[in-house]
Amino acid sequence: MAVTQTQEIYQQKFTQLKGFAQGNSDLTECSFTDCDLMEVRFTGILENCSFSGCNLSLAGFEGAKLQDVKFSACKLEGIDFTKVNALGLAISFHGCLIRNCNFSFLELKGTAFIECEIADTDFIGSRLQESSFAQTTFRHVTFHETDLRKADFTQATGYLINPLTCNLKAARFSLPDAVVLLEEMGIVLE
C-alpha cells in the first residue's frame, strides 16, 4: 500500500482555475479568486486562506482543518461542514450564497455570516455565540437547540428562530423582523 505524501503550498495566488487537483495539500496563506472549485475535495490543512468569487458547490472538506479561512462572494452549495476537523475551526463568510449546507453541532463562536443569503441550511445544536448574521437573508434555515447568545441579527430577514429551543440571551435583532420571535412563542400581535 502506497503512502501519499502531503504537498505543502505556501502563499500562492490561484485565479480562474477550473478544478484543483492538489485538494489534499496543506495550503497556507493561499488565495483563490474567481475559481470553479465545484466538487473539489480538500482534505489537508487550510490556514489563512481566502476564497473570493469562487464556486464551491458540492466541494468536500472531510477531515480538512480550516483555520482562518475566509469566503467572500462565493457560492457554497451542498457542503457538509460537520465533516471538517473541528479542532481550531475558524471560518467567515461575507456576501456568500450558502445553500443546502450543514453546520450542525459545530463550535462556531464569533463566526461572521455577513450580507449572505442562507437557504435550506441547518445550524442544529451549533454554538454560535457572538456570531454575526448582520444583513443576511434567510430562507428555510433550521436553528434548533442553537446557542445564539450575543449573536447579531441586525437588519437580517427571513429567520425563524424559536426562542424556547434556542439560547438568545443578549442577541441583537432589528424591527420589524424581530416580531417573528414573538410569533414563534405563540403570541398574537394586533
Protein backbone atom coordinates (compact mmCIF):
# COMPACT_ATOMS: atom_id res chain seq x y z
CA MET A 1 0.00 0.00 0.00
CA ALA A 2 1.49 3.34 -1.06
CA VAL A 3 1.62 6.23 1.40
CA THR A 4 0.68 9.56 -0.16
CA GLN A 5 2.90 12.48 0.71
CA THR A 6 1.03 15.68 1.58
CA GLN A 7 2.22 18.58 -0.53
CA GLU A 8 2.67 21.97 1.15
CA ILE A 9 1.65 25.04 -0.85
CA TYR A 10 2.56 28.43 0.60
CA GLN A 11 1.49 31.96 -0.45
CA GLN A 12 0.14 31.01 -3.86
CA LYS A 13 -2.50 33.02 -5.74
CA PHE A 14 -4.87 30.99 -7.89
CA THR A 15 -7.07 32.85 -10.36
CA GLN A 16 -9.78 31.50 -12.67
CA LEU A 17 -8.93 27.86 -12.04
CA LYS A 18 -11.31 25.13 -13.03
CA GLY A 19 -10.81 22.32 -10.52
CA PHE A 20 -7.89 21.87 -8.17
CA ALA A 21 -6.00 18.57 -8.20
CA GLN A 22 -3.99 19.45 -5.08
CA GLY A 23 -7.02 19.33 -2.73
CA ASN A 24 -5.16 17.00 -0.37
CA SER A 25 -2.37 19.57 0.08
CA ASP A 26 -1.69 21.76 3.09
CA LEU A 27 -2.40 25.33 1.99
CA THR A 28 -1.01 28.32 3.89
CA GLU A 29 -1.76 31.95 3.02
CA CYS A 30 -3.17 31.00 -0.37
CA SER A 31 -5.90 32.86 -2.24
CA PHE A 32 -8.42 31.62 -4.78
CA THR A 33 -10.13 34.23 -6.94
CA ASP A 34 -12.93 33.54 -9.46
CA CYS A 35 -12.21 29.81 -9.42
CA ASP A 36 -14.61 26.97 -10.24
CA LEU A 37 -13.89 24.51 -7.44
CA MET A 38 -17.07 22.52 -7.82
CA GLU A 39 -16.75 19.02 -6.30
CA VAL A 40 -13.10 19.57 -5.28
CA ARG A 41 -12.13 17.56 -2.20
CA PHE A 42 -10.00 19.47 0.32
CA THR A 43 -8.51 17.13 2.92
CA GLY A 44 -5.40 18.92 4.18
CA ILE A 45 -4.87 21.99 6.35
CA LEU A 46 -6.12 25.32 5.02
CA GLU A 47 -4.59 28.11 7.09
CA ASN A 48 -5.03 31.85 6.46
CA CYS A 49 -6.59 31.15 3.06
CA SER A 50 -9.20 33.16 1.18
CA PHE A 51 -11.77 32.29 -1.49
CA SER A 52 -13.26 35.21 -3.43
CA GLY A 53 -15.92 34.89 -6.12
CA CYS A 54 -15.48 31.10 -6.23
CA ASN A 55 -17.97 28.33 -6.95
CA LEU A 56 -17.50 25.74 -4.19
CA SER A 57 -20.72 23.83 -4.88
CA LEU A 58 -20.53 20.22 -3.67
CA ALA A 59 -16.94 20.75 -2.50
CA GLY A 60 -15.82 18.41 0.26
CA PHE A 61 -13.86 19.26 3.38
CA GLU A 62 -13.89 15.85 5.04
CA GLY A 63 -11.14 15.78 7.64
CA ALA A 64 -9.77 19.16 6.49
CA LYS A 65 -8.61 21.71 9.06
CA LEU A 66 -10.00 25.16 8.28
CA GLN A 67 -8.09 27.76 10.26
CA ASP A 68 -8.82 31.41 9.49
CA VAL A 69 -10.42 30.65 6.12
CA LYS A 70 -12.41 33.48 4.55
CA PHE A 71 -15.14 33.09 1.92
CA SER A 72 -16.21 36.25 0.10
CA ALA A 73 -18.88 36.44 -2.64
CA CYS A 74 -18.68 32.66 -3.04
CA LYS A 75 -21.31 30.07 -3.92
CA LEU A 76 -21.28 27.31 -1.29
CA GLU A 77 -23.91 24.72 -2.08
CA GLY A 78 -24.35 21.19 -0.72
CA ILE A 79 -21.40 21.32 1.70
CA ASP A 80 -21.43 19.31 4.91
CA PHE A 81 -19.22 21.35 7.22
CA THR A 82 -19.80 18.80 10.01
CA LYS A 83 -17.18 16.60 8.35
CA VAL A 84 -14.31 19.09 8.83
CA ASN A 85 -11.73 18.60 11.53
CA ALA A 86 -13.35 20.75 14.24
CA LEU A 87 -10.06 21.41 16.05
CA GLY A 88 -9.24 25.10 15.60
CA LEU A 89 -12.13 25.64 13.16
CA ALA A 90 -12.22 29.34 12.20
CA ILE A 91 -14.17 30.41 9.11
CA SER A 92 -16.01 33.53 7.93
CA PHE A 93 -18.44 34.38 5.14
CA HIS A 94 -19.16 37.74 3.53
CA GLY A 95 -21.66 38.21 0.72
CA CYS A 96 -21.90 34.46 0.05
CA LEU A 97 -24.71 32.26 -1.20
CA ILE A 98 -24.90 29.38 1.28
CA ARG A 99 -27.46 26.75 0.26
CA ASN A 100 -28.13 23.16 1.36
CA CYS A 101 -25.24 23.22 3.82
CA ASN A 102 -24.90 21.67 7.26
CA PHE A 103 -23.26 23.43 10.21
CA SER A 104 -24.96 21.32 12.89
CA PHE A 105 -23.27 20.71 16.25
CA LEU A 106 -20.21 22.81 15.36
CA GLU A 107 -18.38 25.26 17.62
CA LEU A 108 -18.63 28.46 15.57
CA LYS A 109 -18.30 31.14 18.24
CA GLY A 110 -17.69 34.56 16.69
CA THR A 111 -18.23 33.40 13.10
CA ALA A 112 -19.26 36.07 10.58
CA PHE A 113 -22.06 35.33 8.11
CA ILE A 114 -22.42 38.95 6.94
CA GLU A 115 -24.59 40.05 3.99
CA CYS A 116 -25.10 36.42 2.99
CA GLU A 117 -28.06 34.59 1.54
CA ILE A 118 -28.55 31.39 3.55
CA ALA A 119 -31.15 28.86 2.38
CA ASP A 120 -32.13 25.27 3.24
CA THR A 121 -29.29 25.06 5.76
CA ASP A 122 -29.05 23.56 9.27
CA PHE A 123 -27.50 25.04 12.42
CA ILE A 124 -28.97 22.40 14.76
CA GLY A 125 -27.15 22.28 18.11
CA SER A 126 -24.46 24.70 16.92
CA ARG A 127 -22.69 27.07 19.26
CA LEU A 128 -22.80 30.45 17.54
CA GLN A 129 -22.25 32.81 20.47
CA GLU A 130 -21.15 36.30 19.38
CA SER A 131 -21.56 35.37 15.70
CA SER A 132 -22.81 37.94 13.22
CA PHE A 133 -25.60 37.38 10.73
CA ALA A 134 -25.96 41.13 10.05
CA GLN A 135 -27.81 41.97 6.84
CA THR A 136 -28.23 38.28 5.99
CA THR A 137 -31.31 36.89 4.26
CA PHE A 138 -32.59 33.52 5.49
CA ARG A 139 -34.91 31.04 3.78
CA HIS A 140 -35.78 27.64 5.30
CA VAL A 141 -32.91 27.70 7.79
CA THR A 142 -33.13 25.49 10.90
CA PHE A 143 -31.97 26.81 14.26
CA HIS A 144 -32.83 24.25 16.95
CA GLU A 145 -31.15 24.00 20.35
CA THR A 146 -28.68 26.52 18.97
CA ASP A 147 -26.61 28.78 21.24
CA LEU A 148 -27.05 32.27 19.81
CA ARG A 149 -26.04 34.30 22.88
CA LYS A 150 -24.84 37.77 21.86
CA ALA A 151 -25.36 36.93 18.16
CA ASP A 152 -26.05 39.84 15.83
CA PHE A 153 -29.12 39.58 13.57
CA THR A 154 -29.43 43.33 12.90
CA GLN A 155 -31.04 44.03 9.53
CA ALA A 156 -31.29 40.27 8.88
CA THR A 157 -34.51 39.00 7.30
CA GLY A 158 -36.41 35.75 6.92
CA TYR A 159 -35.10 33.95 10.00
CA LEU A 160 -37.34 31.63 12.02
CA ILE A 161 -35.87 31.06 15.46
CA ASN A 162 -37.84 29.53 18.30
CA PRO A 163 -36.77 31.37 21.47
CA LEU A 164 -37.96 28.39 23.52
CA THR A 165 -35.42 25.99 21.97
CA CYS A 166 -32.52 28.37 21.33
CA ASN A 167 -30.47 30.49 23.73
CA LEU A 168 -30.91 34.10 22.61
CA LYS A 169 -29.62 35.93 25.67
CA ALA A 170 -28.28 39.37 24.66
CA ALA A 171 -28.73 38.60 20.92
CA ARG A 172 -29.45 41.66 18.77
CA PHE A 173 -32.35 41.91 16.32
CA SER A 174 -33.94 44.69 14.27
CA LEU A 175 -37.59 45.60 13.93
CA PRO A 176 -39.85 44.77 12.19
CA ASP A 177 -38.30 41.34 11.53
CA ALA A 178 -37.83 40.59 15.25
CA VAL A 179 -41.62 40.30 15.60
CA VAL A 180 -41.32 36.74 14.28
CA LEU A 181 -39.70 35.78 17.61
CA LEU A 182 -42.96 36.59 19.40
CA GLU A 183 -44.97 34.69 16.81
CA GLU A 184 -42.77 31.61 17.39
CA MET A 185 -43.77 31.78 21.06
CA GLY A 186 -47.48 31.74 20.12
CA ILE A 187 -48.01 35.41 20.91
CA VAL A 188 -50.61 37.12 18.71
CA LEU A 189 -49.85 40.72 17.75
CA GLU A 190 -52.62 43.09 16.69
